[in-house]
Amino acid sequence: MKKAIIITSAMAALATTRAEAKIWRVNNQGYQADFAQINQAVADPNVLAGDTLHVEGSTVEYNSVTITKPLIIIGPGYFLADNPKTSNNGLATNISWIAFNAGSENSQLIGVSVNSVSGISINTNNIVIKRNKIRAGINLTWGLSNVTIIQNFFENTGSSTGTALSASISGFPTNVRFNNNIVQRPLVIQDNPSYTFLECNNNIFDLAAVPTSGYSLQFYAASFRNNILVNNNASVKINGITNFSTTPNAAVSHNIGTSSIVHFGTANNNLVLTNISTIWNTATTASPDGKYRLANNSAASGSGYGGVDRGAYGGAAVSNRYTPSGLAPVPVIYEVSTSGVATPGTGLNITIKARTVE
């Protein structure tokens, strides 16, 4: 009964905003959903462009899938036991890998955990990867445009120094936005000015393993602002520059590093904080993503470009800021309670606690 209430409420709310499209349930644990696997929904001719797949949390990993039609794929989020008011049952949606191929333009992936080293492959235009937990990385093919990677948690539970984002040797897509992510892996793209992010802003880079050779961050970006690099032994090469103390760059501004030499220097409102721990809110350190919230009145609070907070939880638009647990912008029922007793006269009293994030 609890699951039926949760799904019905979320589906109904989203249906009111997207009345022209249909919402489908996907559940691989034998519940009476529309499909057991995502690939079944993709192959079904009744699932049309612009439809939404609610892929419910499960104890069993979903099959890997290739998307070939425009779909909005929504899971319940991640770290559900670590953050408050996230889920009634605490089950995440785990997928081994997912690919967006031709035909899937304008698709969105929201609130799932991608666990395989194969990660996510983007092979077509106009794709949004939003609020997901990604164990490895994202691969971009060449000749694309308009890829948005926002509010994700790039997890690294081991010692891998593989990059969070990789690109084809044939070229880099245009209009790539990489914003408000928490990244525990290096981010290294070909050292070529034709491989340029349109935006790389408000990210937190906290590397689980720092490369012993090469750079921890290496890429070109038209805008690299409001980022925080936690690791004092990490080195950077951004826009071809390795020492911003001697060679400032206007596109690299309002960032925080812990080293004046190998990070961002102090020109263009960049900061050097040798004790980076002073900026975090100690009340949220128990959560894997909550530990990156800023303390009130920290050096990173309100000091970013445009007067906003630096880091993943900052930025001008509230809806673009990092969302704990990657909750999708649909109603989240986090508690359901009943009396346990139903009568013909009164029925069954149910109390539901819910909230919606932007």
Protein backbone atom coordinates (compact mmCIF):
# COMPACT_ATOMS: atom_id res chain seq x y z
CA MET A 1 0.00 0.00 0.00
CA LYS A 2 2.78 2.41 0.80
CA LYS A 3 4.38 2.02 -2.62
CA ALA A 4 1.08 2.52 -4.40
CA ILE A 5 0.51 5.77 -2.50
CA ILE A 6 4.00 7.06 -3.25
CA ILE A 7 3.94 6.35 -6.95
CA THR A 8 0.41 7.59 -7.48
CA SER A 9 1.13 10.90 -5.77
CA ALA A 10 4.33 11.56 -7.69
CA MET A 11 2.81 10.56 -11.01
CA ALA A 12 -0.26 12.67 -10.53
CA ALA A 13 1.75 15.75 -9.65
CA LEU A 14 4.02 15.42 -12.66
CA ALA A 15 1.06 14.69 -14.92
CA THR A 16 -0.46 18.06 -14.08
CA THR A 17 2.62 19.79 -15.46
CA ARG A 18 3.08 17.56 -18.50
CA ALA A 19 -0.49 16.73 -19.51
CA GLU A 20 0.45 15.98 -23.10
CA ALA A 21 2.87 13.16 -22.15
CA LYS A 22 2.39 9.88 -20.33
CA ILE A 23 4.10 8.61 -17.20
CA TRP A 24 5.11 4.94 -16.98
CA ARG A 25 6.16 2.88 -13.96
CA VAL A 26 9.22 0.63 -14.15
CA ASN A 27 9.83 -1.88 -11.36
CA ASN A 28 11.99 -5.01 -11.55
CA GLN A 29 10.78 -6.65 -8.34
CA GLY A 30 7.46 -8.05 -9.50
CA TYR A 31 5.14 -5.20 -8.57
CA GLN A 32 2.33 -4.36 -10.96
CA ALA A 33 4.27 -1.77 -12.91
CA ASP A 34 4.04 -1.05 -16.62
CA PHE A 35 7.49 -2.52 -17.29
CA ALA A 36 10.08 -4.57 -15.44
CA GLN A 37 13.07 -3.02 -17.24
CA ILE A 38 13.89 0.32 -18.84
CA ASN A 39 14.80 -1.30 -22.15
CA GLN A 40 11.31 -2.81 -22.36
CA ALA A 41 9.83 0.67 -22.14
CA VAL A 42 12.23 1.99 -24.78
CA ALA A 43 11.24 -0.80 -27.17
CA ASP A 44 7.49 -0.47 -26.58
CA PRO A 45 5.76 1.49 -29.40
CA ASN A 46 3.23 2.87 -26.92
CA VAL A 47 6.00 4.76 -25.09
CA LEU A 48 6.28 7.95 -27.08
CA ALA A 49 8.74 10.81 -27.35
CA GLY A 50 8.56 13.04 -24.29
CA ASP A 51 7.12 10.39 -21.99
CA THR A 52 8.45 9.91 -18.46
CA LEU A 53 9.72 6.67 -16.92
CA HIS A 54 9.54 6.50 -13.14
CA VAL A 55 12.12 3.82 -12.38
CA GLU A 56 11.37 2.72 -8.84
CA GLY A 57 13.95 1.93 -6.22
CA SER A 58 14.92 -1.71 -5.94
CA THR A 59 17.26 -4.11 -4.18
CA VAL A 60 18.11 -5.52 -7.63
CA GLU A 61 20.17 -3.65 -10.23
CA TYR A 62 18.33 -2.79 -13.45
CA ASN A 63 19.64 -4.01 -16.79
CA SER A 64 21.90 -1.73 -18.78
CA VAL A 65 20.04 0.18 -21.46
CA THR A 66 20.45 2.13 -24.67
CA ILE A 67 17.99 5.00 -25.08
CA THR A 68 16.78 5.64 -28.65
CA LYS A 69 13.80 7.96 -28.09
CA PRO A 70 13.39 11.22 -26.13
CA LEU A 71 12.49 10.21 -22.57
CA ILE A 72 12.65 11.64 -19.07
CA ILE A 73 14.00 8.93 -16.78
CA ILE A 74 13.51 9.58 -13.07
CA GLY A 75 14.75 7.56 -10.10
CA PRO A 76 14.27 8.21 -6.37
CA GLY A 77 17.81 9.51 -5.74
CA TYR A 78 20.75 8.16 -3.73
CA PHE A 79 22.22 8.35 -0.21
CA LEU A 80 18.60 8.01 0.88
CA ALA A 81 19.51 6.71 4.33
CA ASP A 82 22.03 9.50 4.90
CA ASN A 83 19.90 12.60 4.31
CA PRO A 84 16.60 13.48 6.00
CA LYS A 85 13.20 13.51 4.29
CA THR A 86 14.30 11.67 1.17
CA SER A 87 12.40 8.40 0.88
CA ASN A 88 9.86 6.19 2.58
CA ASN A 89 11.59 2.91 1.74
CA GLY A 90 15.21 4.00 1.18
CA LEU A 91 15.66 2.06 -2.08
CA ALA A 92 17.73 3.60 -4.87
CA THR A 93 17.54 2.88 -8.59
CA ASN A 94 20.78 1.22 -9.68
CA ILE A 95 21.73 0.81 -13.34
CA SER A 96 24.95 -0.75 -14.60
CA TRP A 97 25.39 1.61 -17.58
CA ILE A 98 23.25 3.72 -19.88
CA ALA A 99 23.80 5.09 -23.38
CA PHE A 100 21.96 7.88 -25.19
CA ASN A 101 22.04 7.17 -28.91
CA ALA A 102 20.59 8.85 -32.00
CA GLY A 103 16.87 9.39 -31.58
CA SER A 104 17.10 10.16 -27.87
CA GLU A 105 17.69 13.89 -28.30
CA ASN A 106 16.17 16.01 -25.48
CA SER A 107 16.28 13.13 -23.00
CA GLN A 108 16.96 13.65 -19.31
CA LEU A 109 18.38 11.29 -16.69
CA ILE A 110 17.53 12.26 -13.11
CA GLY A 111 17.98 10.63 -9.71
CA VAL A 112 19.56 7.27 -10.53
CA SER A 113 22.82 5.54 -9.59
CA VAL A 114 25.03 4.42 -12.48
CA ASN A 115 27.44 1.81 -11.15
CA SER A 116 29.52 0.29 -13.95
CA VAL A 117 32.95 1.44 -15.10
CA SER A 118 31.25 1.92 -18.47
CA GLY A 119 29.23 4.74 -16.87
CA ILE A 120 27.16 6.93 -19.17
CA SER A 121 27.71 7.32 -22.92
CA ILE A 122 26.31 10.35 -24.70
CA ASN A 123 26.17 9.90 -28.45
CA THR A 124 23.61 12.51 -29.45
CA ASN A 125 22.63 16.15 -28.91
CA ASN A 126 20.59 17.92 -26.23
CA ILE A 127 21.05 15.53 -23.30
CA VAL A 128 20.70 16.45 -19.63
CA ILE A 129 22.41 14.35 -16.93
CA LYS A 130 21.06 15.72 -13.66
CA ARG A 131 21.17 14.73 -9.99
CA ASN A 132 22.66 11.26 -10.43
CA LYS A 133 25.31 9.30 -8.56
CA ILE A 134 27.92 8.17 -11.06
CA ARG A 135 30.48 5.62 -9.98
CA ALA A 136 32.85 6.07 -12.94
CA GLY A 137 32.36 8.73 -15.58
CA ILE A 138 30.62 10.07 -18.67
CA ASN A 139 31.89 9.58 -22.20
CA LEU A 140 31.11 12.18 -24.87
CA THR A 141 31.33 11.35 -28.54
CA TRP A 142 32.39 13.98 -31.08
CA GLY A 143 30.24 16.26 -33.18
CA LEU A 144 27.61 16.88 -30.50
CA SER A 145 26.08 20.03 -29.04
CA ASN A 146 24.17 21.05 -25.93
CA VAL A 147 25.12 18.59 -23.21
CA THR A 148 24.29 19.60 -19.64
CA ILE A 149 25.88 17.75 -16.70
CA ILE A 150 24.54 19.31 -13.53
CA GLN A 151 24.08 18.52 -9.82
CA ASN A 152 25.64 15.04 -10.01
CA PHE A 153 27.77 13.19 -7.48
CA PHE A 154 30.79 11.57 -9.15
CA GLU A 155 31.70 8.90 -6.65
CA ASN A 156 35.07 7.24 -6.28
CA THR A 157 35.12 4.66 -3.53
CA GLY A 158 38.51 3.22 -4.56
CA SER A 159 41.85 4.52 -5.73
CA SER A 160 41.05 5.13 -9.39
CA THR A 161 42.36 8.31 -10.99
CA GLY A 162 40.23 7.92 -14.12
CA THR A 163 38.60 11.11 -15.35
CA ALA A 164 34.99 11.97 -14.54
CA LEU A 165 34.43 13.04 -18.14
CA SER A 166 36.10 11.80 -21.28
CA ALA A 167 35.85 12.92 -24.89
CA SER A 168 36.55 11.44 -28.29
CA ILE A 169 39.95 12.16 -29.85
CA SER A 170 37.97 13.39 -32.88
CA GLY A 171 36.63 16.43 -31.07
CA PHE A 172 34.66 17.93 -28.18
CA PRO A 173 30.96 18.83 -28.24
CA THR A 174 29.88 22.46 -28.32
CA ASN A 175 27.92 24.05 -25.48
CA VAL A 176 28.90 21.61 -22.73
CA ARG A 177 27.87 22.77 -19.26
CA PHE A 178 29.43 21.07 -16.24
CA ASN A 179 27.99 22.84 -13.20
CA ASN A 180 27.17 22.25 -9.52
CA ASN A 181 28.64 18.76 -9.36
CA ILE A 182 30.48 17.09 -6.50
CA VAL A 183 33.43 15.31 -8.09
CA GLN A 184 35.64 12.76 -6.35
CA ARG A 185 37.59 11.92 -9.52
CA PRO A 186 40.00 13.97 -11.63
CA LEU A 187 38.56 15.92 -14.56
CA VAL A 188 41.03 15.72 -17.43
CA ILE A 189 40.19 16.55 -21.05
CA GLN A 190 42.55 16.76 -24.04
CA ASP A 191 44.89 19.72 -23.65
CA ASN A 192 43.51 21.49 -26.70
CA PRO A 193 41.65 24.84 -26.83
CA SER A 194 39.10 23.33 -29.22
CA TYR A 195 38.01 21.10 -26.31
CA THR A 196 36.34 23.85 -24.28
CA PHE A 197 33.53 23.80 -21.75
CA LEU A 198 30.99 26.55 -22.22
CA GLU A 199 30.63 26.55 -18.42
CA CYS A 200 32.40 24.75 -15.59
CA ASN A 201 31.06 26.54 -12.54
CA ASN A 202 30.15 25.90 -8.90
CA ASN A 203 31.70 22.45 -8.68
CA ILE A 204 33.47 20.87 -5.73
CA PHE A 205 36.51 18.77 -6.58
CA ASP A 206 37.47 16.49 -3.69
CA LEU A 207 39.55 13.75 -5.23
CA ALA A 208 39.59 10.33 -3.63
CA ALA A 209 42.94 9.76 -5.34
CA VAL A 210 45.26 12.42 -6.73
CA PRO A 211 47.22 11.41 -9.87
CA THR A 212 50.94 10.95 -9.25
CA SER A 213 51.68 12.28 -12.74
CA GLY A 214 49.82 14.71 -14.94
CA TYR A 215 47.13 17.05 -13.65
CA SER A 216 44.08 16.60 -11.45
CA LEU A 217 42.12 19.19 -13.43
CA GLN A 218 43.04 19.80 -17.07
CA PHE A 219 40.74 21.41 -19.61
CA TYR A 220 39.71 24.66 -21.28
CA ALA A 221 36.62 26.56 -20.14
CA ALA A 222 35.01 29.78 -21.29
CA SER A 223 33.82 30.18 -17.70
CA PHE A 224 35.47 28.55 -14.68
CA ARG A 225 33.96 30.23 -11.64
CA ASN A 226 32.91 29.54 -8.05
CA ASN A 227 34.61 26.14 -7.91
CA ILE A 228 36.30 24.64 -4.84
CA LEU A 229 39.34 22.35 -5.05
CA VAL A 230 39.86 20.59 -1.74
CA ASN A 231 43.09 18.64 -2.23
CA ASN A 232 46.27 20.62 -1.56
CA ASN A 233 48.42 18.13 -3.50
CA ALA A 234 46.26 18.32 -6.62
CA SER A 235 47.57 20.31 -9.59
CA VAL A 236 45.66 22.14 -12.31
CA LYS A 237 46.09 23.19 -15.92
CA ILE A 238 43.14 25.29 -17.03
CA ASN A 239 43.07 27.24 -20.26
CA GLY A 240 46.67 26.16 -20.76
CA ILE A 241 47.82 27.83 -17.52
CA THR A 242 49.50 26.06 -14.63
CA ASN A 243 50.49 29.03 -12.45
CA PHE A 244 47.73 31.59 -11.98
CA SER A 245 49.85 33.61 -9.58
CA THR A 246 52.05 34.68 -12.47
CA THR A 247 49.52 34.30 -15.32
CA PRO A 248 45.99 35.27 -14.24
CA ASN A 249 43.12 34.45 -16.56
CA ALA A 250 39.85 36.37 -16.55
CA ALA A 251 37.79 33.25 -17.25
CA VAL A 252 39.17 31.65 -14.07
CA SER A 253 37.69 33.65 -11.21
CA HIS A 254 36.10 33.37 -7.76
CA ASN A 255 37.46 29.86 -7.15
CA ILE A 256 38.94 28.44 -3.95
CA GLY A 257 42.08 26.37 -3.75
CA THR A 258 44.48 25.44 -0.98
CA SER A 259 47.72 26.24 -2.82
CA SER A 260 48.63 29.62 -4.31
CA ILE A 261 51.05 28.02 -6.77
CA VAL A 262 49.42 24.90 -8.22
CA HIS A 263 45.78 25.98 -7.84
CA PHE A 264 44.17 29.30 -8.84
CA GLY A 265 46.18 32.03 -7.13
CA THR A 266 44.49 35.15 -5.73
CA ALA A 267 43.89 37.32 -8.80
CA ASN A 268 40.33 37.69 -10.16
CA ASN A 269 38.78 37.05 -6.73
CA ASN A 270 40.26 33.58 -6.40
CA LEU A 271 41.01 32.56 -2.81
CA VAL A 272 43.66 30.42 -1.17
CA LEU A 273 42.52 28.66 2.02
CA THR A 274 45.20 26.43 3.48
CA ASN A 275 42.68 25.11 6.02
CA ILE A 276 39.75 24.29 3.76
CA SER A 277 37.84 22.57 6.58
CA THR A 278 36.82 25.96 7.97
CA ILE A 279 34.24 26.50 5.21
CA TRP A 280 32.12 23.39 5.83
CA ASN A 281 29.02 23.11 7.99
CA THR A 282 30.04 20.63 10.68
CA ALA A 283 26.40 19.77 11.40
CA THR A 284 26.07 17.96 8.04
CA THR A 285 29.37 16.08 7.87
CA ALA A 286 27.75 12.64 8.40
CA SER A 287 26.18 12.72 4.95
CA PRO A 288 28.39 11.85 1.93
CA ASP A 289 27.10 14.87 0.01
CA GLY A 290 25.82 16.96 2.90
CA LYS A 291 29.37 17.34 4.23
CA TYR A 292 30.02 19.79 1.40
CA ARG A 293 27.45 22.31 2.62
CA LEU A 294 28.97 25.65 3.56
CA ALA A 295 28.99 27.02 7.06
CA ASN A 296 27.19 30.30 7.58
CA ASN A 297 29.48 33.27 7.01
CA SER A 298 32.32 31.11 5.74
CA ALA A 299 34.88 32.51 3.31
CA ALA A 300 32.95 30.77 0.50
CA SER A 301 29.52 32.13 1.49
CA GLY A 302 28.20 34.93 -0.68
CA SER A 303 31.67 35.65 -2.07
CA GLY A 304 31.33 33.99 -5.46
CA TYR A 305 30.79 35.59 -8.83
CA GLY A 306 27.53 37.53 -8.71
CA GLY A 307 27.50 37.49 -4.90
CA VAL A 308 26.46 33.84 -4.63
CA ASP A 309 27.91 30.99 -2.59
CA ARG A 310 30.83 29.14 -4.08
CA GLY A 311 30.71 25.37 -4.48
CA ALA A 312 28.03 22.94 -5.59
CA TYR A 313 25.31 24.30 -3.29
CA GLY A 314 25.77 27.82 -4.68
CA GLY A 315 24.73 29.66 -7.79
CA ALA A 316 22.14 32.22 -8.76
CA ALA A 317 19.28 29.86 -9.67
CA VAL A 318 17.99 27.77 -6.77
CA SER A 319 16.88 25.01 -9.15
CA ASN A 320 20.47 24.65 -10.44
CA ARG A 321 22.09 24.21 -7.03
CA TYR A 322 23.17 20.78 -5.87
CA THR A 323 20.28 18.86 -4.31
CA PRO A 324 21.10 16.43 -1.47
CA SER A 325 20.46 12.81 -2.52
CA GLY A 326 19.68 13.90 -6.08
CA LEU A 327 15.95 14.17 -5.46
CA ALA A 328 13.95 14.83 -8.62
CA PRO A 329 11.59 17.85 -8.80
CA VAL A 330 8.54 15.74 -7.96
CA PRO A 331 6.77 15.20 -4.62
CA VAL A 332 8.78 12.98 -2.27
CA ILE A 333 6.82 11.06 0.35
CA TYR A 334 9.28 10.36 3.14
CA GLU A 335 6.93 9.03 5.81
CA VAL A 336 3.67 7.06 5.74
CA SER A 337 1.87 5.90 8.87
CA THR A 338 -1.50 4.26 9.47
CA SER A 339 -3.53 3.16 12.45
CA GLY A 340 -3.40 -0.37 11.08
CA VAL A 341 -7.11 -0.77 11.62
CA ALA A 342 -9.80 -0.23 8.98
CA THR A 343 -13.56 -0.24 9.52
CA PRO A 344 -16.46 0.00 7.04
CA GLY A 345 -17.46 3.29 8.60
CA THR A 346 -14.14 5.09 8.88
CA GLY A 347 -11.96 3.31 6.33
CA LEU A 348 -8.21 3.39 6.96
CA ASN A 349 -6.68 6.59 8.28
CA ILE A 350 -3.34 7.34 6.62
CA THR A 351 -0.88 10.11 7.49
CA ILE A 352 1.53 11.15 4.76
CA LYS A 353 4.50 13.50 5.06
CA ALA A 354 5.85 14.81 1.78
CA ARG A 355 7.86 17.63 0.25
CA THR A 356 8.96 18.81 -3.17
CA VAL A 357 12.40 20.12 -4.12
CA GLU A 358 12.96 22.43 -7.06
